[in-house]
Amino acid sequence: CRPCPLRDQCTSSKPGGRTLSLQPREVQEVLDRAR
């Protein structure tokens, strides 16, 4: 993650890499509709 030239657009984390949280499809669809 650190040497990637697009890191600033991907994460604001200083020490580590990017973390992704993946929800089950049904939960993600409900969240998307609510947003």
Full PDB file with SEQRES, HELIX, SHEET, SSBOND, CRYST1, ORIGX, SCALE, CONECT and MASTER records, all heavy atoms in Angstrom:
SEQRES   1 A   35  CYS ARG PRO CYS PRO LEU ARG ASP GLN CYS THR SER SER          
SEQRES   2 A   35  LYS PRO GLY GLY ARG THR LEU SER LEU GLN PRO ARG GLU          
SEQRES   3 A   35  VAL GLN GLU VAL LEU ASP ARG ALA ARG                          
HELIX    1 AA1 ARG A    7  CYS A   10  1                                   4    
HELIX    2 AA2 ARG A   25  ALA A   34  1                                  10    
CRYST1    1.000    1.000    1.000  90.00  90.00  90.00 P 1           1          
ORIGX1      1.000000  0.000000  0.000000        0.00000                         
ORIGX2      0.000000  1.000000  0.000000        0.00000                         
ORIGX3      0.000000  0.000000  1.000000        0.00000                         
SCALE1      1.000000  0.000000  0.000000        0.00000                         
SCALE2      0.000000  1.000000  0.000000        0.00000                         
SCALE3      0.000000  0.000000  1.000000        0.00000                         
ATOM      1  N   CYS A   1       0.810  -1.218   0.000  1.00  0.00           N  
ATOM      2  CA  CYS A   1       0.000   0.000   0.000  1.00  0.00           C  
ATOM      3  C   CYS A   1       0.850   1.278   0.000  1.00  0.00           C  
ATOM      4  O   CYS A   1       0.508   2.249  -0.662  1.00  0.00           O  
ATOM      5  CB  CYS A   1      -0.914  -0.022   1.211  1.00  0.00           C  
ATOM      6  SG  CYS A   1      -2.275   1.130   1.120  1.00  0.00           S  
ATOM      7  N   ARG A   2       1.942   1.306   0.754  1.00  0.00           N  
ATOM      8  CA  ARG A   2       2.722   2.539   0.915  1.00  0.00           C  
ATOM      9  C   ARG A   2       3.291   3.118  -0.377  1.00  0.00           C  
ATOM     10  O   ARG A   2       3.175   4.313  -0.608  1.00  0.00           O  
ATOM     11  CB  ARG A   2       3.845   2.298   1.918  1.00  0.00           C  
ATOM     12  CG  ARG A   2       3.563   2.985   3.201  1.00  0.00           C  
ATOM     13  CD  ARG A   2       4.727   2.969   4.135  1.00  0.00           C  
ATOM     14  NE  ARG A   2       4.156   2.777   5.465  1.00  0.00           N  
ATOM     15  CZ  ARG A   2       4.681   2.062   6.414  1.00  0.00           C  
ATOM     16  NH1 ARG A   2       5.820   1.460   6.231  1.00  0.00           N  
ATOM     17  NH2 ARG A   2       4.089   1.942   7.571  1.00  0.00           N  
ATOM     18  N   PRO A   3       3.909   2.331  -1.234  1.00  0.00           N  
ATOM     19  CA  PRO A   3       4.510   2.933  -2.434  1.00  0.00           C  
ATOM     20  C   PRO A   3       3.511   3.289  -3.537  1.00  0.00           C  
ATOM     21  O   PRO A   3       3.886   3.886  -4.535  1.00  0.00           O  
ATOM     22  CB  PRO A   3       5.497   1.863  -2.919  1.00  0.00           C  
ATOM     23  CG  PRO A   3       5.012   0.591  -2.361  1.00  0.00           C  
ATOM     24  CD  PRO A   3       4.289   0.931  -1.094  1.00  0.00           C  
ATOM     25  N   CYS A   4       2.257   2.970  -3.358  1.00  0.00           N  
ATOM     26  CA  CYS A   4       1.255   3.221  -4.406  1.00  0.00           C  
ATOM     27  C   CYS A   4       1.098   4.723  -4.636  1.00  0.00           C  
ATOM     28  O   CYS A   4       0.908   5.499  -3.691  1.00  0.00           O  
ATOM     29  CB  CYS A   4      -0.078   2.610  -4.009  1.00  0.00           C  
ATOM     30  SG  CYS A   4      -1.389   2.914  -5.198  1.00  0.00           S  
ATOM     31  N   PRO A   5       1.133   5.182  -5.893  1.00  0.00           N  
ATOM     32  CA  PRO A   5       1.008   6.617  -6.170  1.00  0.00           C  
ATOM     33  C   PRO A   5      -0.397   7.165  -5.907  1.00  0.00           C  
ATOM     34  O   PRO A   5      -0.561   8.371  -5.747  1.00  0.00           O  
ATOM     35  CB  PRO A   5       1.379   6.734  -7.655  1.00  0.00           C  
ATOM     36  CG  PRO A   5       1.159   5.380  -8.219  1.00  0.00           C  
ATOM     37  CD  PRO A   5       1.393   4.394  -7.111  1.00  0.00           C  
ATOM     38  N   LEU A   6      -1.410   6.302  -5.830  1.00  0.00           N  
ATOM     39  CA  LEU A   6      -2.792   6.748  -5.587  1.00  0.00           C  
ATOM     40  C   LEU A   6      -3.207   6.566  -4.129  1.00  0.00           C  
ATOM     41  O   LEU A   6      -4.386   6.644  -3.799  1.00  0.00           O  
ATOM     42  CB  LEU A   6      -3.750   5.975  -6.503  1.00  0.00           C  
ATOM     43  CG  LEU A   6      -3.495   6.144  -7.997  1.00  0.00           C  
ATOM     44  CD1 LEU A   6      -4.434   5.271  -8.790  1.00  0.00           C  
ATOM     45  CD2 LEU A   6      -3.645   7.596  -8.388  1.00  0.00           C  
ATOM     46  N   ARG A   7      -2.253   6.324  -3.251  1.00  0.00           N  
ATOM     47  CA  ARG A   7      -2.563   6.055  -1.849  1.00  0.00           C  
ATOM     48  C   ARG A   7      -3.330   7.200  -1.193  1.00  0.00           C  
ATOM     49  O   ARG A   7      -4.232   6.980  -0.394  1.00  0.00           O  
ATOM     50  CB  ARG A   7      -1.270   5.805  -1.079  1.00  0.00           C  
ATOM     51  CG  ARG A   7      -1.502   5.366   0.339  1.00  0.00           C  
ATOM     52  CD  ARG A   7      -0.180   4.945   0.962  1.00  0.00           C  
ATOM     53  NE  ARG A   7      -0.398   4.342   2.250  1.00  0.00           N  
ATOM     54  CZ  ARG A   7      -0.506   5.029   3.383  1.00  0.00           C  
ATOM     55  NH1 ARG A   7      -0.424   6.334   3.353  1.00  0.00           N  
ATOM     56  NH2 ARG A   7      -0.712   4.406   4.519  1.00  0.00           N  
ATOM     57  N   ASP A   8      -3.021   8.445  -1.524  1.00  0.00           N  
ATOM     58  CA  ASP A   8      -3.694   9.597  -0.918  1.00  0.00           C  
ATOM     59  C   ASP A   8      -5.185   9.616  -1.246  1.00  0.00           C  
ATOM     60  O   ASP A   8      -5.991  10.098  -0.454  1.00  0.00           O  
ATOM     61  CB  ASP A   8      -3.061  10.901  -1.394  1.00  0.00           C  
ATOM     62  CG  ASP A   8      -1.618  11.032  -0.937  1.00  0.00           C  
ATOM     63  OD1 ASP A   8      -1.210  10.264  -0.045  1.00  0.00           O  
ATOM     64  OD2 ASP A   8      -0.920  11.908  -1.473  1.00  0.00           O  
ATOM     65  N   GLN A   9      -5.558   9.113  -2.394  1.00  0.00           N  
ATOM     66  CA  GLN A   9      -6.968   9.075  -2.794  1.00  0.00           C  
ATOM     67  C   GLN A   9      -7.683   7.871  -2.190  1.00  0.00           C  
ATOM     68  O   GLN A   9      -8.909   7.827  -2.159  1.00  0.00           O  
ATOM     69  CB  GLN A   9      -7.085   9.009  -4.319  1.00  0.00           C  
ATOM     70  CG  GLN A   9      -6.511  10.221  -5.005  1.00  0.00           C  
ATOM     71  CD  GLN A   9      -6.473  10.051  -6.515  1.00  0.00           C  
ATOM     72  OE1 GLN A   9      -7.034   9.111  -7.053  1.00  0.00           O  
ATOM     73  NE2 GLN A   9      -5.809  10.977  -7.193  1.00  0.00           N  
ATOM     74  N   CYS A  10      -6.923   6.905  -1.721  1.00  0.00           N  
ATOM     75  CA  CYS A  10      -7.494   5.646  -1.244  1.00  0.00           C  
ATOM     76  C   CYS A  10      -7.706   5.623   0.265  1.00  0.00           C  
ATOM     77  O   CYS A  10      -8.725   5.130   0.747  1.00  0.00           O  
ATOM     78  CB  CYS A  10      -6.561   4.515  -1.663  1.00  0.00           C  
ATOM     79  SG  CYS A  10      -7.176   2.882  -1.335  1.00  0.00           S  
ATOM     80  N   THR A  11      -6.753   6.164   1.021  1.00  0.00           N  
ATOM     81  CA  THR A  11      -6.832   6.082   2.482  1.00  0.00           C  
ATOM     82  C   THR A  11      -6.156   7.291   3.109  1.00  0.00           C  
ATOM     83  O   THR A  11      -5.286   7.915   2.501  1.00  0.00           O  
ATOM     84  CB  THR A  11      -6.180   4.780   3.001  1.00  0.00           C  
ATOM     85  OG1 THR A  11      -6.321   4.721   4.408  1.00  0.00           O  
ATOM     86  CG2 THR A  11      -4.707   4.712   2.656  1.00  0.00           C  
ATOM     87  N   SER A  12      -6.569   7.603   4.321  1.00  0.00           N  
ATOM     88  CA  SER A  12      -5.912   8.664   5.075  1.00  0.00           C  
ATOM     89  C   SER A  12      -5.068   8.080   6.199  1.00  0.00           C  
ATOM     90  O   SER A  12      -4.506   8.802   7.002  1.00  0.00           O  
ATOM     91  CB  SER A  12      -6.951   9.630   5.648  1.00  0.00           C  
ATOM     92  OG  SER A  12      -7.825   8.930   6.505  1.00  0.00           O  
ATOM     93  N   SER A  13      -4.980   6.764   6.267  1.00  0.00           N  
ATOM     94  CA  SER A  13      -4.200   6.085   7.296  1.00  0.00           C  
ATOM     95  C   SER A  13      -2.723   6.389   7.110  1.00  0.00           C  
ATOM     96  O   SER A  13      -2.164   6.233   6.025  1.00  0.00           O  
ATOM     97  CB  SER A  13      -4.436   4.573   7.217  1.00  0.00           C  
ATOM     98  OG  SER A  13      -3.572   3.898   8.093  1.00  0.00           O  
ATOM     99  N   LYS A  14      -2.064   6.845   8.174  1.00  0.00           N  
ATOM    100  CA  LYS A  14      -0.634   7.171   8.085  1.00  0.00           C  
ATOM    101  C   LYS A  14       0.237   5.921   8.243  1.00  0.00           C  
ATOM    102  O   LYS A  14       1.105   5.667   7.438  1.00  0.00           O  
ATOM    103  CB  LYS A  14      -0.253   8.215   9.143  1.00  0.00           C  
ATOM    104  CG  LYS A  14      -1.006   9.518   8.996  1.00  0.00           C  
ATOM    105  CD  LYS A  14      -0.633  10.227   7.728  1.00  0.00           C  
ATOM    106  CE  LYS A  14      -1.391  11.523   7.630  1.00  0.00           C  
ATOM    107  NZ  LYS A  14      -1.650  11.955   6.294  1.00  0.00           N  
ATOM    108  N   PRO A  15       0.034   5.109   9.308  1.00  0.00           N  
ATOM    109  CA  PRO A  15       0.981   4.024   9.528  1.00  0.00           C  
ATOM    110  C   PRO A  15       0.730   2.777   8.675  1.00  0.00           C  
ATOM    111  O   PRO A  15       1.658   2.091   8.314  1.00  0.00           O  
ATOM    112  CB  PRO A  15       0.811   3.693  11.003  1.00  0.00           C  
ATOM    113  CG  PRO A  15      -0.588   4.064  11.313  1.00  0.00           C  
ATOM    114  CD  PRO A  15      -0.896   5.240  10.418  1.00  0.00           C  
ATOM    115  N   GLY A  16      -0.517   2.476   8.374  1.00  0.00           N  
ATOM    116  CA  GLY A  16      -0.807   1.194   7.738  1.00  0.00           C  
ATOM    117  C   GLY A  16      -1.416   1.308   6.376  1.00  0.00           C  
ATOM    118  O   GLY A  16      -1.411   2.359   5.745  1.00  0.00           O  
ATOM    119  N   GLY A  17      -1.930   0.184   5.933  1.00  0.00           N  
ATOM    120  CA  GLY A  17      -2.590   0.128   4.646  1.00  0.00           C  
ATOM    121  C   GLY A  17      -4.076   0.345   4.783  1.00  0.00           C  
ATOM    122  O   GLY A  17      -4.592   0.650   5.859  1.00  0.00           O  
ATOM    123  N   ARG A  18      -4.770   0.167   3.699  1.00  0.00           N  
ATOM    124  CA  ARG A  18      -6.212   0.365   3.668  1.00  0.00           C  
ATOM    125  C   ARG A  18      -6.915  -0.865   4.211  1.00  0.00           C  
ATOM    126  O   ARG A  18      -6.514  -1.987   3.970  1.00  0.00           O  
ATOM    127  CB  ARG A  18      -6.668   0.644   2.246  1.00  0.00           C  
ATOM    128  CG  ARG A  18      -8.154   0.864   2.202  1.00  0.00           C  
ATOM    129  CD  ARG A  18      -8.593   1.293   0.856  1.00  0.00           C  
ATOM    130  NE  ARG A  18     -10.022   1.511   0.920  1.00  0.00           N  
ATOM    131  CZ  ARG A  18     -10.665   2.375   0.207  1.00  0.00           C  
ATOM    132  NH1 ARG A  18     -10.022   3.113  -0.635  1.00  0.00           N  
ATOM    133  NH2 ARG A  18     -11.948   2.516   0.318  1.00  0.00           N  
ATOM    134  N   THR A  19      -7.999  -0.638   4.947  1.00  0.00           N  
ATOM    135  CA  THR A  19      -8.814  -1.719   5.466  1.00  0.00           C  
ATOM    136  C   THR A  19     -10.188  -1.629   4.820  1.00  0.00           C  
ATOM    137  O   THR A  19     -10.782  -0.550   4.789  1.00  0.00           O  
ATOM    138  CB  THR A  19      -8.967  -1.587   7.002  1.00  0.00           C  
ATOM    139  OG1 THR A  19      -7.672  -1.580   7.569  1.00  0.00           O  
ATOM    140  CG2 THR A  19      -9.755  -2.727   7.578  1.00  0.00           C  
ATOM    141  N   LEU A  20     -10.683  -2.733   4.330  1.00  0.00           N  
ATOM    142  CA  LEU A  20     -12.010  -2.778   3.729  1.00  0.00           C  
ATOM    143  C   LEU A  20     -12.939  -3.591   4.613  1.00  0.00           C  
ATOM    144  O   LEU A  20     -12.571  -4.650   5.101  1.00  0.00           O  
ATOM    145  CB  LEU A  20     -11.958  -3.429   2.335  1.00  0.00           C  
ATOM    146  CG  LEU A  20     -11.189  -2.695   1.265  1.00  0.00           C  
ATOM    147  CD1 LEU A  20     -11.176  -3.506  -0.017  1.00  0.00           C  
ATOM    148  CD2 LEU A  20     -11.802  -1.340   1.014  1.00  0.00           C  
ATOM    149  N   SER A  21     -14.146  -3.080   4.815  1.00  0.00           N  
ATOM    150  CA  SER A  21     -15.169  -3.813   5.544  1.00  0.00           C  
ATOM    151  C   SER A  21     -16.254  -4.204   4.557  1.00  0.00           C  
ATOM    152  O   SER A  21     -16.892  -3.336   3.961  1.00  0.00           O  
ATOM    153  CB  SER A  21     -15.770  -2.948   6.657  1.00  0.00           C  
ATOM    154  OG  SER A  21     -14.773  -2.579   7.569  1.00  0.00           O  
ATOM    155  N   LEU A  22     -16.445  -5.473   4.380  1.00  0.00           N  
ATOM    156  CA  LEU A  22     -17.438  -5.963   3.437  1.00  0.00           C  
ATOM    157  C   LEU A  22     -18.635  -6.517   4.202  1.00  0.00           C  
ATOM    158  O   LEU A  22     -18.479  -7.363   5.080  1.00  0.00           O  
ATOM    159  CB  LEU A  22     -16.827  -7.045   2.540  1.00  0.00           C  
ATOM    160  CG  LEU A  22     -15.613  -6.604   1.719  1.00  0.00           C  
ATOM    161  CD1 LEU A  22     -15.017  -7.773   0.974  1.00  0.00           C  
ATOM    162  CD2 LEU A  22     -15.995  -5.493   0.770  1.00  0.00           C  
ATOM    163  N   GLN A  23     -19.810  -6.026   3.859  1.00  0.00           N  
ATOM    164  CA  GLN A  23     -21.048  -6.470   4.477  1.00  0.00           C  
ATOM    165  C   GLN A  23     -21.685  -7.545   3.609  1.00  0.00           C  
ATOM    166  O   GLN A  23     -21.428  -7.612   2.413  1.00  0.00           O  
ATOM    167  CB  GLN A  23     -22.023  -5.284   4.605  1.00  0.00           C  
ATOM    168  CG  GLN A  23     -21.489  -4.099   5.348  1.00  0.00           C  
ATOM    169  CD  GLN A  23     -21.412  -4.347   6.838  1.00  0.00           C  
ATOM    170  OE1 GLN A  23     -22.030  -5.252   7.370  1.00  0.00           O  
ATOM    171  NE2 GLN A  23     -20.622  -3.546   7.520  1.00  0.00           N  
ATOM    172  N   PRO A  24     -22.572  -8.356   4.186  1.00  0.00           N  
ATOM    173  CA  PRO A  24     -23.361  -9.255   3.343  1.00  0.00           C  
ATOM    174  C   PRO A  24     -24.184  -8.435   2.351  1.00  0.00           C  
ATOM    175  O   PRO A  24     -24.522  -7.272   2.607  1.00  0.00           O  
ATOM    176  CB  PRO A  24     -24.264  -9.985   4.332  1.00  0.00           C  
ATOM    177  CG  PRO A  24     -23.581  -9.862   5.646  1.00  0.00           C  
ATOM    178  CD  PRO A  24     -22.811  -8.575   5.600  1.00  0.00           C  
ATOM    179  N   ARG A  25     -24.498  -9.007   1.208  1.00  0.00           N  
ATOM    180  CA  ARG A  25     -25.167  -8.286   0.126  1.00  0.00           C  
ATOM    181  C   ARG A  25     -26.444  -7.607   0.593  1.00  0.00           C  
ATOM    182  O   ARG A  25     -26.697  -6.449   0.272  1.00  0.00           O  
ATOM    183  CB  ARG A  25     -25.481  -9.224  -1.026  1.00  0.00           C  
ATOM    184  CG  ARG A  25     -26.160  -8.527  -2.194  1.00  0.00           C  
ATOM    185  CD  ARG A  25     -26.481  -9.498  -3.295  1.00  0.00           C  
ATOM    186  NE  ARG A  25     -25.263 -10.111  -3.768  1.00  0.00           N  
ATOM    187  CZ  ARG A  25     -24.738  -9.914  -4.973  1.00  0.00           C  
ATOM    188  NH1 ARG A  25     -25.360  -9.155  -5.829  1.00  0.00           N  
ATOM    189  NH2 ARG A  25     -23.616 -10.481  -5.317  1.00  0.00           N  
ATOM    190  N   GLU A  26     -27.286  -8.294   1.366  1.00  0.00           N  
ATOM    191  CA  GLU A  26     -28.567  -7.725   1.814  1.00  0.00           C  
ATOM    192  C   GLU A  26     -28.343  -6.490   2.687  1.00  0.00           C  
ATOM    193  O   GLU A  26     -29.020  -5.478   2.534  1.00  0.00           O  
ATOM    194  CB  GLU A  26     -29.393  -8.766   2.587  1.00  0.00           C  
ATOM    195  CG  GLU A  26     -29.781  -9.982   1.784  1.00  0.00           C  
ATOM    196  CD  GLU A  26     -28.674 -11.020   1.700  1.00  0.00           C  
ATOM    197  OE1 GLU A  26     -27.769 -11.007   2.569  1.00  0.00           O  
ATOM    198  OE2 GLU A  26     -28.700 -11.823   0.751  1.00  0.00           O  
ATOM    199  N   VAL A  27     -27.387  -6.581   3.584  1.00  0.00           N  
ATOM    200  CA  VAL A  27     -27.091  -5.461   4.472  1.00  0.00           C  
ATOM    201  C   VAL A  27     -26.557  -4.281   3.664  1.00  0.00           C  
ATOM    202  O   VAL A  27     -26.950  -3.130   3.885  1.00  0.00           O  
ATOM    203  CB  VAL A  27     -26.089  -5.890   5.573  1.00  0.00           C  
ATOM    204  CG1 VAL A  27     -25.662  -4.713   6.412  1.00  0.00           C  
ATOM    205  CG2 VAL A  27     -26.686  -6.985   6.446  1.00  0.00           C  
ATOM    206  N   GLN A  28     -25.676  -4.540   2.711  1.00  0.00           N  
ATOM    207  CA  GLN A  28     -25.112  -3.476   1.897  1.00  0.00           C  
ATOM    208  C   GLN A  28     -26.179  -2.794   1.053  1.00  0.00           C  
ATOM    209  O   GLN A  28     -26.180  -1.567   0.903  1.00  0.00           O  
ATOM    210  CB  GLN A  28     -24.000  -4.020   0.994  1.00  0.00           C  
ATOM    211  CG  GLN A  28     -23.252  -2.945   0.251  1.00  0.00           C  
ATOM    212  CD  GLN A  28     -22.519  -1.992   1.182  1.00  0.00           C  
ATOM    213  OE1 GLN A  28     -21.862  -2.417   2.127  1.00  0.00           O  
ATOM    214  NE2 GLN A  28     -22.625  -0.705   0.925  1.00  0.00           N  
ATOM    215  N   GLU A  29     -27.131  -3.562   0.533  1.00  0.00           N  
ATOM    216  CA  GLU A  29     -28.208  -2.972  -0.269  1.00  0.00           C  
ATOM    217  C   GLU A  29     -29.103  -2.072   0.579  1.00  0.00           C  
ATOM    218  O   GLU A  29     -29.505  -0.989   0.141  1.00  0.00           O  
ATOM    219  CB  GLU A  29     -29.033  -4.070  -0.930  1.00  0.00           C  
ATOM    220  CG  GLU A  29     -28.293  -4.761  -2.061  1.00  0.00           C  
ATOM    221  CD  GLU A  29     -29.036  -5.972  -2.606  1.00  0.00           C  
ATOM    222  OE1 GLU A  29     -30.081  -6.348  -2.030  1.00  0.00           O  
ATOM    223  OE2 GLU A  29     -28.570  -6.537  -3.610  1.00  0.00           O  
ATOM    224  N   VAL A  30     -29.388  -2.493   1.810  1.00  0.00           N  
ATOM    225  CA  VAL A  30     -30.182  -1.657   2.711  1.00  0.00           C  
ATOM    226  C   VAL A  30     -29.435  -0.372   3.045  1.00  0.00           C  
ATOM    227  O   VAL A  30     -30.013   0.717   3.052  1.00  0.00           O  
ATOM    228  CB  VAL A  30     -30.550  -2.441   3.996  1.00  0.00           C  
ATOM    229  CG1 VAL A  30     -31.156  -1.530   5.046  1.00  0.00           C  
ATOM    230  CG2 VAL A  30     -31.499  -3.583   3.672  1.00  0.00           C  
ATOM    231  N   LEU A  31     -28.137  -0.472   3.318  1.00  0.00           N  
ATOM    232  CA  LEU A  31     -27.327   0.718   3.609  1.00  0.00           C  
ATOM    233  C   LEU A  31     -27.293   1.669   2.410  1.00  0.00           C  
ATOM    234  O   LEU A  31     -27.407   2.883   2.576  1.00  0.00           O  
ATOM    235  CB  LEU A  31     -25.897   0.311   3.966  1.00  0.00           C  
ATOM    236  CG  LEU A  31     -25.678  -0.256   5.358  1.00  0.00           C  
ATOM    237  CD1 LEU A  31     -24.253  -0.800   5.474  1.00  0.00           C  
ATOM    238  CD2 LEU A  31     -25.920   0.787   6.413  1.00  0.00           C  
ATOM    239  N   ASP A  32     -27.146   1.121   1.214  1.00  0.00           N  
ATOM    240  CA  ASP A  32     -27.117   1.966   0.019  1.00  0.00           C  
ATOM    241  C   ASP A  32     -28.430   2.709  -0.179  1.00  0.00           C  
ATOM    242  O   ASP A  32     -28.445   3.898  -0.517  1.00  0.00           O  
ATOM    243  CB  ASP A  32     -26.797   1.120  -1.220  1.00  0.00           C  
ATOM    244  CG  ASP A  32     -25.367   0.611  -1.217  1.00  0.00           C  
ATOM    245  OD1 ASP A  32     -24.532   1.181  -0.481  1.00  0.00           O  
ATOM    246  OD2 ASP A  32     -25.094  -0.365  -1.946  1.00  0.00           O  
ATOM    247  N   ARG A  33     -29.562   2.016   0.034  1.00  0.00           N  
ATOM    248  CA  ARG A  33     -30.869   2.674  -0.102  1.00  0.00           C  
ATOM    249  C   ARG A  33     -31.043   3.768   0.946  1.00  0.00           C  
ATOM    250  O   ARG A  33     -31.541   4.856   0.652  1.00  0.00           O  
ATOM    251  CB  ARG A  33     -32.004   1.648   0.012  1.00  0.00           C  
ATOM    252  CG  ARG A  33     -32.245   0.877  -1.258  1.00  0.00           C  
ATOM    253  CD  ARG A  33     -33.573   0.146  -1.221  1.00  0.00           C  
ATOM    254  NE  ARG A  33     -33.738  -0.755  -0.099  1.00  0.00           N  
ATOM    255  CZ  ARG A  33     -33.368  -2.045  -0.101  1.00  0.00           C  
ATOM    256  NH1 ARG A  33     -32.815  -2.573  -1.167  1.00  0.00           N  
ATOM    257  NH2 ARG A  33     -33.550  -2.786   0.962  1.00  0.00           N  
ATOM    258  N   ALA A  34     -30.619   3.486   2.177  1.00  0.00           N  
ATOM    259  CA  ALA A  34     -30.748   4.483   3.244  1.00  0.00           C  
ATOM    260  C   ALA A  34     -29.893   5.716   2.937  1.00  0.00           C  
ATOM    261  O   ALA A  34     -30.329   6.849   3.144  1.00  0.00           O  
ATOM    262  CB  ALA A  34     -30.342   3.876   4.587  1.00  0.00           C  
ATOM    263  N   ARG A  35     -28.692   5.508   2.429  1.00  0.00           N  
ATOM    264  CA  ARG A  35     -27.820   6.642   2.105  1.00  0.00           C  
ATOM    265  C   ARG A  35     -28.373   7.452   0.940  1.00  0.00           C  
ATOM    266  O   ARG A  35     -28.218   8.669   0.897  1.00  0.00           O  
ATOM    267  CB  ARG A  35     -26.419   6.136   1.782  1.00  0.00           C  
ATOM    268  CG  ARG A  35     -25.692   5.646   3.017  1.00  0.00           C  
ATOM    269  CD  ARG A  35     -24.321   5.114   2.703  1.00  0.00           C  
ATOM    270  NE  ARG A  35     -23.699   4.629   3.926  1.00  0.00           N  
ATOM    271  CZ  ARG A  35     -22.971   3.528   3.996  1.00  0.00           C  
ATOM    272  NH1 ARG A  35     -22.735   2.804   2.916  1.00  0.00           N  
ATOM    273  NH2 ARG A  35     -22.444   3.151   5.132  1.00  0.00           N  
TER     274      ARG A  35                                                      
MASTER        0    0    0    2    0    0    0    6  273    1    0    3          
END                                                                             
